[in-house]
Every structure is written in structure tokens, then in C-alpha cells.
Amino acid sequence: MFIKPKFENGYVEMKVGIDIGSRFVKIARKGEDDELQLVKYDSGEFYRKYGSNSESGEFIINMELLGIGKPAEIIATGYGRERAKLAGAKEIPEIQAHIDGVVYLTDLNNFTIIDFGGQDTKIARVENKRLINFITSDRCAASTGRFIENMAQILGLSLEQMARYYENPEPISATCAVFAETEILEKISRGISTERIAAGVNYSVVNRFSSLIERFPLDTLVATGGVALSEAVIKLLENKLETEVIVPPHPQFAGAIGCLNY
């Protein structure tokens, strides 16, 4: 939870950035000393516990319950920003929020960004801090964070454990998330090691969208989103593309941080 900075006349009003993802809701704001304050919630829990719907259909967040107080401004982005329709919030495109977040976190002006989302993967080219071109891979969940979560559950691994395995990957041939589950169960029954299957899952995620990345300049490659925290995925991506991948601080919060700097 946030720690509210107190002043004699009550709580300070401030700008709040909210990235409403398919898997998590990420919230960012700056404290009295300009230090970033970050928190995330499971999306389902967030909807149930911290908000209610108005008669007009807007989603009203209980800021006091969140520990934020009354913000001066709310900037919202992410997959669920239009569905939630946050009351009083300004909405910005998700890719723009992530771009602004990367610029803030890295001081880079020119880069290609890969945003690993819960249900899609976005790739964009930025020059002089401006979006030049982008593409979204959202036809199948098999290249997303949710896919890795589901496969980790089948393998009996935590996400932290899943993120360690990248060596000697067992090939995963299924191009559909549902069929991939069946394939993995079959490999488990054949006695193939959990480590090799986990590495194969991580490699399959990279392999499915690496050809899309190669359409963009690879001079400076930046990864955001929750999957960017996976050491295995980043190593496999670097090996596949033969280039360094920069992971900024707090990659999962890039969208929410970008809202603060929009």
C-alpha cells in the first residue's frame, strides 16, 4: 500500500498514473521528495475490492482505501482503460504510455521497445521520443505473459523459477496456447525434465515474435512489461537477435510511470 505524505492541511494532492492491464493493475505516483511510489494489484481483486460502478457506467476508485487520498489528476492507460472508464481520468494510448515511461526511466531518445503484455506483445520504434511505427502480436496467447504463467502452473513452478531456465530448451511445436498445454503434458509423461520443458516454453515465446522485432532497427532494444523480468526470456531474446536488450528499472510499471510523464 502507499504511504500518504501528510501536511498540516491534510494530504497532498498529486498526479496518479494507472495502467489497467489484463492481468495486473499498476499504479504510480511521486511522493513529496519526487521519489516514485509503485504498487500493483491483481486485476480481479482491484475491481472487486477498490471500486464500484456509477449509474453512468464509470468505474469509481476508492482512493482512500488504496491509501492515495485525493489525487489532483488521474491518467489511465492499458488494456482495461476503456472498459473500466475510470471516473474523472484522462485516457492515453498504452503504447504511448510505455514510450514515455521508457524515456523517463532510461533517458533514451531513440529505441525499439518490446512491451510484453499479459495478453499481447507490442513492438514499436521511437525516434526523438516520438512513435514512428508499431505492431501488436495479439492473435494468440502463446506469446504472452499469461501463457508463461499457465505453463509454469502445469510444470509446478513459480514464475521466479520459470524465469531461470533457458539452457537446452525442449522444442515446443504447438502454435496455440491450448494445444501447447497438451504437448507439455505429453512431454512430462515421457520423462523430459522440467528444466528443459520450462526453457522450451521460454524459447517458444521468444521465437513467436522475434521475426516481428527484426522488422525494426535493433540499435537499441528496450523491454518492458512483466515478462521483461524473466532472465531466461531476455537471454534467449538476446541470443536470438544477437543484440543487447535493455531492461529498465521497474519494467512492469513503465506504462503507469509513463502516465505521470505524459
C-alpha atoms as a PDB file:
ATOM      1  CA  MET A   1       0.000   0.000   0.000  1.00  0.00           C
ATOM      2  CA  PHE A   2       1.023   3.594  -0.465  1.00  0.00           C
ATOM      3  CA  ILE A   3       2.266   5.710   2.426  1.00  0.00           C
ATOM      4  CA  LYS A   4       0.443   9.017   2.246  1.00  0.00           C
ATOM      5  CA  PRO A   5       2.647  12.094   2.762  1.00  0.00           C
ATOM      6  CA  LYS A   6       0.920  14.273   5.362  1.00  0.00           C
ATOM      7  CA  PHE A   7       0.951  18.035   5.655  1.00  0.00           C
ATOM      8  CA  GLU A   8      -0.675  20.408   8.151  1.00  0.00           C
ATOM      9  CA  ASN A   9      -3.640  20.991   5.873  1.00  0.00           C
ATOM     10  CA  GLY A  10      -4.187  17.318   5.023  1.00  0.00           C
ATOM     11  CA  TYR A  11      -2.869  15.027   2.312  1.00  0.00           C
ATOM     12  CA  VAL A  12      -1.005  16.466  -0.638  1.00  0.00           C
ATOM     13  CA  GLU A  13      -2.781  16.321  -3.991  1.00  0.00           C
ATOM     14  CA  MET A  14      -0.748  14.726  -6.745  1.00  0.00           C
ATOM     15  CA  LYS A  15      -0.845  13.148 -10.165  1.00  0.00           C
ATOM     16  CA  VAL A  16      -1.506   9.403 -10.312  1.00  0.00           C
ATOM     17  CA  GLY A  17      -0.783   7.084 -13.244  1.00  0.00           C
ATOM     18  CA  ILE A  18      -2.798   3.866 -13.585  1.00  0.00           C
ATOM     19  CA  ASP A  19      -2.070   1.082 -16.066  1.00  0.00           C
ATOM     20  CA  ILE A  20      -5.066  -1.272 -16.147  1.00  0.00           C
ATOM     21  CA  GLY A  21      -3.668  -4.472 -17.598  1.00  0.00           C
ATOM     22  CA  SER A  22      -5.398  -7.762 -18.364  1.00  0.00           C
ATOM     23  CA  ARG A  23      -3.502  -9.419 -15.505  1.00  0.00           C
ATOM     24  CA  PHE A  24      -2.476  -6.635 -13.116  1.00  0.00           C
ATOM     25  CA  VAL A  25      -3.373  -3.037 -12.330  1.00  0.00           C
ATOM     26  CA  LYS A  26      -0.236  -0.960 -11.825  1.00  0.00           C
ATOM     27  CA  ILE A  27      -0.297   2.393 -10.064  1.00  0.00           C
ATOM     28  CA  ALA A  28       2.465   5.009  -9.941  1.00  0.00           C
ATOM     29  CA  ARG A  29       2.801   8.378  -8.272  1.00  0.00           C
ATOM     30  CA  LYS A  30       5.556  10.573  -6.922  1.00  0.00           C
ATOM     31  CA  GLY A  31       5.989  11.314  -3.263  1.00  0.00           C
ATOM     32  CA  GLU A  32       6.881  14.572  -1.574  1.00  0.00           C
ATOM     33  CA  ASP A  33      10.580  14.030  -2.363  1.00  0.00           C
ATOM     34  CA  ASP A  34       9.793  13.224  -6.040  1.00  0.00           C
ATOM     35  CA  GLU A  35      10.547   9.549  -5.407  1.00  0.00           C
ATOM     36  CA  LEU A  36       8.470   7.066  -7.390  1.00  0.00           C
ATOM     37  CA  GLN A  37       5.921   5.099  -5.389  1.00  0.00           C
ATOM     38  CA  LEU A  38       4.707   1.963  -7.144  1.00  0.00           C
ATOM     39  CA  VAL A  39       2.140  -0.705  -6.326  1.00  0.00           C
ATOM     40  CA  LYS A  40       0.315  -3.406  -8.290  1.00  0.00           C
ATOM     41  CA  TYR A  41      -2.843  -5.451  -7.772  1.00  0.00           C
ATOM     42  CA  ASP A  42      -4.374  -8.491  -9.390  1.00  0.00           C
ATOM     43  CA  SER A  43      -6.914  -7.011 -11.817  1.00  0.00           C
ATOM     44  CA  GLY A  44      -9.830  -9.066 -10.487  1.00  0.00           C
ATOM     45  CA  GLU A  45      -9.020  -8.166  -6.895  1.00  0.00           C
ATOM     46  CA  PHE A  46      -8.686  -4.499  -7.837  1.00  0.00           C
ATOM     47  CA  TYR A  47     -12.109  -4.377  -9.489  1.00  0.00           C
ATOM     48  CA  ARG A  48     -13.806  -6.195  -6.628  1.00  0.00           C
ATOM     49  CA  LYS A  49     -12.152  -4.507  -3.686  1.00  0.00           C
ATOM     50  CA  TYR A  50     -11.240  -0.974  -4.651  1.00  0.00           C
ATOM     51  CA  GLY A  51     -14.001   0.299  -6.887  1.00  0.00           C
ATOM     52  CA  SER A  52     -17.651   0.491  -7.785  1.00  0.00           C
ATOM     53  CA  ASN A  53     -19.688   1.388 -10.855  1.00  0.00           C
ATOM     54  CA  SER A  54     -21.576   4.651 -11.130  1.00  0.00           C
ATOM     55  CA  GLU A  55     -25.023   4.944 -12.710  1.00  0.00           C
ATOM     56  CA  SER A  56     -23.354   6.165 -15.893  1.00  0.00           C
ATOM     57  CA  GLY A  57     -21.200   3.040 -16.041  1.00  0.00           C
ATOM     58  CA  GLU A  58     -17.943   4.646 -14.973  1.00  0.00           C
ATOM     59  CA  PHE A  59     -15.643   2.821 -12.565  1.00  0.00           C
ATOM     60  CA  ILE A  60     -15.053   4.846  -9.407  1.00  0.00           C
ATOM     61  CA  ILE A  61     -11.875   4.029  -7.479  1.00  0.00           C
ATOM     62  CA  ASN A  62     -11.897   4.297  -3.703  1.00  0.00           C
ATOM     63  CA  MET A  63      -8.680   6.315  -3.425  1.00  0.00           C
ATOM     64  CA  GLU A  64      -8.815   6.439   0.355  1.00  0.00           C
ATOM     65  CA  LEU A  65      -8.976   2.649   0.557  1.00  0.00           C
ATOM     66  CA  LEU A  66      -5.992   2.453  -1.779  1.00  0.00           C
ATOM     67  CA  GLY A  67      -4.125   4.824   0.505  1.00  0.00           C
ATOM     68  CA  ILE A  68      -3.725   7.538  -2.125  1.00  0.00           C
ATOM     69  CA  GLY A  69      -6.040  10.274  -0.901  1.00  0.00           C
ATOM     70  CA  LYS A  70      -7.461  12.744  -3.386  1.00  0.00           C
ATOM     71  CA  PRO A  71      -5.223  12.988  -6.482  1.00  0.00           C
ATOM     72  CA  ALA A  72      -5.003  16.215  -8.449  1.00  0.00           C
ATOM     73  CA  GLU A  73      -5.138  14.278 -11.711  1.00  0.00           C
ATOM     74  CA  ILE A  74      -5.577  10.641 -12.816  1.00  0.00           C
ATOM     75  CA  ILE A  75      -4.033   9.464 -16.087  1.00  0.00           C
ATOM     76  CA  ALA A  76      -5.131   5.975 -17.176  1.00  0.00           C
ATOM     77  CA  THR A  77      -3.826   3.589 -19.793  1.00  0.00           C
ATOM     78  CA  GLY A  78      -3.750  -0.126 -20.511  1.00  0.00           C
ATOM     79  CA  TYR A  79      -5.958  -2.888 -21.842  1.00  0.00           C
ATOM     80  CA  GLY A  80      -8.810  -2.151 -19.438  1.00  0.00           C
ATOM     81  CA  ARG A  81      -8.863   1.638 -19.528  1.00  0.00           C
ATOM     82  CA  GLU A  82     -11.849   1.800 -21.883  1.00  0.00           C
ATOM     83  CA  ARG A  83     -13.776  -0.988 -20.186  1.00  0.00           C
ATOM     84  CA  ALA A  84     -13.261   0.453 -16.724  1.00  0.00           C
ATOM     85  CA  LYS A  85     -13.879   4.049 -17.826  1.00  0.00           C
ATOM     86  CA  LEU A  86     -12.329   5.497 -14.691  1.00  0.00           C
ATOM     87  CA  ALA A  87     -14.383   8.397 -13.443  1.00  0.00           C
ATOM     88  CA  GLY A  88     -12.539  11.680 -13.915  1.00  0.00           C
ATOM     89  CA  ALA A  89      -9.487  10.073 -15.552  1.00  0.00           C
ATOM     90  CA  LYS A  90      -7.725  11.180 -18.702  1.00  0.00           C
ATOM     91  CA  GLU A  91      -7.007   8.211 -21.008  1.00  0.00           C
ATOM     92  CA  ILE A  92      -3.884   7.822 -23.153  1.00  0.00           C
ATOM     93  CA  PRO A  93      -2.860   5.032 -25.595  1.00  0.00           C
ATOM     94  CA  GLU A  94      -0.985   2.153 -23.998  1.00  0.00           C
ATOM     95  CA  ILE A  95       1.974   2.247 -26.373  1.00  0.00           C
ATOM     96  CA  GLN A  96       2.442   5.980 -25.786  1.00  0.00           C
ATOM     97  CA  ALA A  97       2.439   5.446 -22.027  1.00  0.00           C
ATOM     98  CA  HIS A  98       5.148   2.799 -22.308  1.00  0.00           C
ATOM     99  CA  ILE A  99       7.233   5.023 -24.582  1.00  0.00           C
ATOM    100  CA  ASP A 100       7.041   7.912 -22.121  1.00  0.00           C
ATOM    101  CA  GLY A 101       7.877   5.507 -19.308  1.00  0.00           C
ATOM    102  CA  VAL A 102      10.994   4.246 -21.087  1.00  0.00           C
ATOM    103  CA  VAL A 103      12.143   7.785 -21.874  1.00  0.00           C
ATOM    104  CA  TYR A 104      11.767   8.687 -18.194  1.00  0.00           C
ATOM    105  CA  LEU A 105      13.475   5.525 -16.898  1.00  0.00           C
ATOM    106  CA  THR A 106      16.375   5.401 -19.385  1.00  0.00           C
ATOM    107  CA  ASP A 107      16.860   8.934 -20.813  1.00  0.00           C
ATOM    108  CA  LEU A 108      16.886   7.356 -24.273  1.00  0.00           C
ATOM    109  CA  ASN A 109      15.531   9.257 -27.265  1.00  0.00           C
ATOM    110  CA  ASN A 110      15.833   6.599 -29.983  1.00  0.00           C
ATOM    111  CA  PHE A 111      14.982   2.947 -29.391  1.00  0.00           C
ATOM    112  CA  THR A 112      12.842  -0.042 -30.307  1.00  0.00           C
ATOM    113  CA  ILE A 113      10.545  -1.116 -27.482  1.00  0.00           C
ATOM    114  CA  ILE A 114       9.093  -4.556 -26.815  1.00  0.00           C
ATOM    115  CA  ASP A 115       6.205  -4.497 -24.352  1.00  0.00           C
ATOM    116  CA  PHE A 116       5.412  -7.972 -23.049  1.00  0.00           C
ATOM    117  CA  GLY A 117       1.766  -7.761 -22.014  1.00  0.00           C
ATOM    118  CA  GLY A 118      -0.454 -10.260 -20.269  1.00  0.00           C
ATOM    119  CA  GLN A 119      -2.414 -10.948 -23.451  1.00  0.00           C
ATOM    120  CA  ASP A 120      -0.353  -9.430 -26.275  1.00  0.00           C
ATOM    121  CA  THR A 121       3.123  -8.242 -27.229  1.00  0.00           C
ATOM    122  CA  LYS A 122       3.683  -4.783 -28.689  1.00  0.00           C
ATOM    123  CA  ILE A 123       6.729  -3.668 -30.643  1.00  0.00           C
ATOM    124  CA  ALA A 124       7.338  -0.022 -31.544  1.00  0.00           C
ATOM    125  CA  ARG A 125      10.025   2.216 -32.976  1.00  0.00           C
ATOM    126  CA  VAL A 126      10.738   5.526 -31.273  1.00  0.00           C
ATOM    127  CA  GLU A 127      12.874   8.304 -32.713  1.00  0.00           C
ATOM    128  CA  ASN A 128      13.430  11.643 -30.993  1.00  0.00           C
ATOM    129  CA  LYS A 129      10.980  10.427 -28.325  1.00  0.00           C
ATOM    130  CA  ARG A 130       8.222  10.073 -30.924  1.00  0.00           C
ATOM    131  CA  LEU A 131       6.417   6.957 -32.106  1.00  0.00           C
ATOM    132  CA  ILE A 132       7.367   6.120 -35.688  1.00  0.00           C
ATOM    133  CA  ASN A 133       5.807   2.696 -36.206  1.00  0.00           C
ATOM    134  CA  PHE A 134       4.420  -0.172 -34.159  1.00  0.00           C
ATOM    135  CA  ILE A 135       2.894  -3.629 -34.417  1.00  0.00           C
ATOM    136  CA  THR A 136       0.895  -5.768 -31.999  1.00  0.00           C
ATOM    137  CA  SER A 137       1.037  -9.550 -31.774  1.00  0.00           C
ATOM    138  CA  ASP A 138      -2.354 -10.469 -30.304  1.00  0.00           C
ATOM    139  CA  ARG A 139      -3.690 -13.300 -32.456  1.00  0.00           C
ATOM    140  CA  CYS A 140      -2.747 -15.963 -29.936  1.00  0.00           C
ATOM    141  CA  ALA A 141      -1.988 -16.006 -26.220  1.00  0.00           C
ATOM    142  CA  ALA A 142       1.070 -18.223 -26.824  1.00  0.00           C
ATOM    143  CA  SER A 143       3.462 -15.254 -26.880  1.00  0.00           C
ATOM    144  CA  THR A 144       2.220 -13.517 -23.742  1.00  0.00           C
ATOM    145  CA  GLY A 145       2.809 -13.340 -20.038  1.00  0.00           C
ATOM    146  CA  ARG A 146      -0.386 -15.237 -19.317  1.00  0.00           C
ATOM    147  CA  PHE A 147       0.899 -18.151 -21.403  1.00  0.00           C
ATOM    148  CA  ILE A 148       4.064 -18.346 -19.312  1.00  0.00           C
ATOM    149  CA  GLU A 149       2.001 -18.216 -16.114  1.00  0.00           C
ATOM    150  CA  ASN A 150      -0.233 -21.062 -17.278  1.00  0.00           C
ATOM    151  CA  MET A 151       2.688 -23.214 -18.401  1.00  0.00           C
ATOM    152  CA  ALA A 152       4.523 -22.606 -15.119  1.00  0.00           C
ATOM    153  CA  GLN A 153       1.446 -23.807 -13.250  1.00  0.00           C
ATOM    154  CA  ILE A 154       1.333 -27.014 -15.301  1.00  0.00           C
ATOM    155  CA  LEU A 155       5.033 -27.577 -14.591  1.00  0.00           C
ATOM    156  CA  GLY A 156       4.581 -26.880 -10.866  1.00  0.00           C
ATOM    157  CA  LEU A 157       6.934 -23.890 -10.980  1.00  0.00           C
ATOM    158  CA  SER A 158       6.708 -20.370  -9.619  1.00  0.00           C
ATOM    159  CA  LEU A 159       7.302 -17.535 -12.076  1.00  0.00           C
ATOM    160  CA  GLU A 160      10.630 -16.886 -10.366  1.00  0.00           C
ATOM    161  CA  GLN A 161      11.669 -20.488 -11.010  1.00  0.00           C
ATOM    162  CA  MET A 162      10.338 -20.382 -14.575  1.00  0.00           C
ATOM    163  CA  ALA A 163      12.494 -17.323 -15.278  1.00  0.00           C
ATOM    164  CA  ARG A 164      15.715 -19.258 -14.583  1.00  0.00           C
ATOM    165  CA  TYR A 165      15.537 -21.842 -17.356  1.00  0.00           C
ATOM    166  CA  TYR A 166      16.869 -21.141 -20.822  1.00  0.00           C
ATOM    167  CA  GLU A 167      19.542 -23.770 -21.488  1.00  0.00           C
ATOM    168  CA  ASN A 168      18.923 -26.801 -23.729  1.00  0.00           C
ATOM    169  CA  PRO A 169      15.261 -25.955 -24.412  1.00  0.00           C
ATOM    170  CA  GLU A 170      12.917 -28.768 -25.356  1.00  0.00           C
ATOM    171  CA  PRO A 171      11.157 -27.769 -28.623  1.00  0.00           C
ATOM    172  CA  ILE A 172       7.510 -26.756 -28.234  1.00  0.00           C
ATOM    173  CA  SER A 173       5.937 -27.100 -31.678  1.00  0.00           C
ATOM    174  CA  ALA A 174       2.316 -26.123 -30.919  1.00  0.00           C
ATOM    175  CA  THR A 175       1.447 -22.609 -32.078  1.00  0.00           C
ATOM    176  CA  CYS A 176      -1.734 -22.462 -29.982  1.00  0.00           C
ATOM    177  CA  ALA A 177      -1.732 -21.939 -26.213  1.00  0.00           C
ATOM    178  CA  VAL A 178      -4.351 -24.646 -25.678  1.00  0.00           C
ATOM    179  CA  PHE A 179      -2.518 -27.227 -27.790  1.00  0.00           C
ATOM    180  CA  ALA A 180       0.765 -26.271 -26.122  1.00  0.00           C
ATOM    181  CA  GLU A 181      -0.665 -27.355 -22.765  1.00  0.00           C
ATOM    182  CA  THR A 182      -1.432 -30.805 -24.195  1.00  0.00           C
ATOM    183  CA  GLU A 183       2.027 -31.009 -25.728  1.00  0.00           C
ATOM    184  CA  ILE A 184       3.703 -30.129 -22.439  1.00  0.00           C
ATOM    185  CA  LEU A 185       1.709 -32.745 -20.547  1.00  0.00           C
ATOM    186  CA  GLU A 186       2.790 -35.301 -23.138  1.00  0.00           C
ATOM    187  CA  LYS A 187       6.440 -34.305 -22.680  1.00  0.00           C
ATOM    188  CA  ILE A 188       6.120 -34.599 -18.908  1.00  0.00           C
ATOM    189  CA  SER A 189       4.705 -38.117 -19.333  1.00  0.00           C
ATOM    190  CA  ARG A 190       7.749 -39.019 -21.452  1.00  0.00           C
ATOM    191  CA  GLY A 191      10.079 -38.065 -18.621  1.00  0.00           C
ATOM    192  CA  ILE A 192      11.590 -34.952 -20.187  1.00  0.00           C
ATOM    193  CA  SER A 193      12.995 -32.779 -17.415  1.00  0.00           C
ATOM    194  CA  THR A 194      11.038 -29.846 -16.057  1.00  0.00           C
ATOM    195  CA  GLU A 195      14.040 -27.587 -16.633  1.00  0.00           C
ATOM    196  CA  ARG A 196      14.207 -28.406 -20.353  1.00  0.00           C
ATOM    197  CA  ILE A 197      10.455 -28.013 -20.839  1.00  0.00           C
ATOM    198  CA  ALA A 198      10.470 -24.666 -18.994  1.00  0.00           C
ATOM    199  CA  ALA A 199      13.346 -23.491 -21.187  1.00  0.00           C
ATOM    200  CA  GLY A 200      11.349 -24.638 -24.218  1.00  0.00           C
ATOM    201  CA  VAL A 201       8.341 -22.599 -23.122  1.00  0.00           C
ATOM    202  CA  ASN A 202      10.501 -19.502 -22.713  1.00  0.00           C
ATOM    203  CA  TYR A 203      12.124 -20.079 -26.080  1.00  0.00           C
ATOM    204  CA  SER A 204       8.774 -20.609 -27.804  1.00  0.00           C
ATOM    205  CA  VAL A 205       7.589 -17.210 -26.547  1.00  0.00           C
ATOM    206  CA  VAL A 206      10.690 -15.516 -27.963  1.00  0.00           C
ATOM    207  CA  ASN A 207      10.536 -17.462 -31.206  1.00  0.00           C
ATOM    208  CA  ARG A 208       6.942 -16.469 -31.944  1.00  0.00           C
ATOM    209  CA  PHE A 209       7.559 -12.725 -32.143  1.00  0.00           C
ATOM    210  CA  SER A 210      11.294 -12.382 -32.857  1.00  0.00           C
ATOM    211  CA  SER A 211      10.602 -12.162 -36.601  1.00  0.00           C
ATOM    212  CA  LEU A 212       8.351  -9.176 -35.904  1.00  0.00           C
ATOM    213  CA  ILE A 213      11.106  -7.441 -33.944  1.00  0.00           C
ATOM    214  CA  GLU A 214      13.530  -7.925 -36.819  1.00  0.00           C
ATOM    215  CA  ARG A 215      11.367  -5.590 -38.915  1.00  0.00           C
ATOM    216  CA  PHE A 216      12.539  -2.744 -36.694  1.00  0.00           C
ATOM    217  CA  PRO A 217      16.013  -1.245 -36.100  1.00  0.00           C
ATOM    218  CA  LEU A 218      17.861  -3.160 -33.370  1.00  0.00           C
ATOM    219  CA  ASP A 219      20.383  -0.454 -32.482  1.00  0.00           C
ATOM    220  CA  THR A 220      18.845  -0.002 -29.022  1.00  0.00           C
ATOM    221  CA  LEU A 221      16.311  -2.558 -27.840  1.00  0.00           C
ATOM    222  CA  VAL A 222      14.295  -1.981 -24.654  1.00  0.00           C
ATOM    223  CA  ALA A 223      11.947  -4.484 -22.978  1.00  0.00           C
ATOM    224  CA  THR A 224       9.036  -3.569 -20.710  1.00  0.00           C
ATOM    225  CA  GLY A 225       6.161  -5.463 -19.119  1.00  0.00           C
ATOM    226  CA  GLY A 226       6.164  -8.247 -16.574  1.00  0.00           C
ATOM    227  CA  VAL A 227       7.904 -10.773 -18.851  1.00  0.00           C
ATOM    228  CA  ALA A 228      10.883  -8.408 -19.078  1.00  0.00           C
ATOM    229  CA  LEU A 229      11.644  -9.528 -15.511  1.00  0.00           C
ATOM    230  CA  SER A 230      12.353 -13.042 -16.826  1.00  0.00           C
ATOM    231  CA  GLU A 231      16.094 -13.568 -17.062  1.00  0.00           C
ATOM    232  CA  ALA A 232      15.501 -16.556 -19.316  1.00  0.00           C
ATOM    233  CA  VAL A 233      13.329 -14.724 -21.857  1.00  0.00           C
ATOM    234  CA  ILE A 234      15.759 -11.804 -22.054  1.00  0.00           C
ATOM    235  CA  LYS A 235      18.792 -14.088 -22.502  1.00  0.00           C
ATOM    236  CA  LEU A 236      17.011 -16.112 -25.182  1.00  0.00           C
ATOM    237  CA  LEU A 237      15.932 -12.926 -26.956  1.00  0.00           C
ATOM    238  CA  GLU A 238      19.472 -11.543 -26.896  1.00  0.00           C
ATOM    239  CA  ASN A 239      20.816 -14.816 -28.304  1.00  0.00           C
ATOM    240  CA  LYS A 240      18.146 -14.942 -30.985  1.00  0.00           C
ATOM    241  CA  LEU A 241      18.663 -11.354 -32.148  1.00  0.00           C
ATOM    242  CA  GLU A 242      22.395 -11.192 -31.370  1.00  0.00           C
ATOM    243  CA  THR A 243      21.991  -7.865 -29.613  1.00  0.00           C
ATOM    244  CA  GLU A 244      21.726  -6.493 -26.086  1.00  0.00           C
ATOM    245  CA  VAL A 245      18.271  -5.981 -24.596  1.00  0.00           C
ATOM    246  CA  ILE A 246      17.959  -3.154 -22.077  1.00  0.00           C
ATOM    247  CA  VAL A 247      15.576  -3.793 -19.190  1.00  0.00           C
ATOM    248  CA  PRO A 248      14.879  -0.509 -17.368  1.00  0.00           C
ATOM    249  CA  PRO A 249      14.124  -0.314 -13.652  1.00  0.00           C
ATOM    250  CA  HIS A 250      10.520  -1.294 -12.852  1.00  0.00           C
ATOM    251  CA  PRO A 251       9.716  -2.604 -16.387  1.00  0.00           C
ATOM    252  CA  GLN A 252       6.259  -3.789 -15.325  1.00  0.00           C
ATOM    253  CA  PHE A 253       5.380  -0.228 -14.275  1.00  0.00           C
ATOM    254  CA  ALA A 254       6.573   1.509 -17.456  1.00  0.00           C
ATOM    255  CA  GLY A 255       3.000   2.285 -18.549  1.00  0.00           C
ATOM    256  CA  ALA A 256       1.925   3.715 -15.206  1.00  0.00           C
ATOM    257  CA  ILE A 257       5.149   5.737 -14.940  1.00  0.00           C
ATOM    258  CA  GLY A 258       4.635   6.980 -18.494  1.00  0.00           C
ATOM    259  CA  CYS A 259       1.213   8.283 -17.448  1.00  0.00           C
ATOM    260  CA  LEU A 260       2.934  10.500 -14.886  1.00  0.00           C
ATOM    261  CA  ASN A 261       5.167  11.979 -17.580  1.00  0.00           C
ATOM    262  CA  TYR A 262       2.634  12.317 -20.382  1.00  0.00           C
END
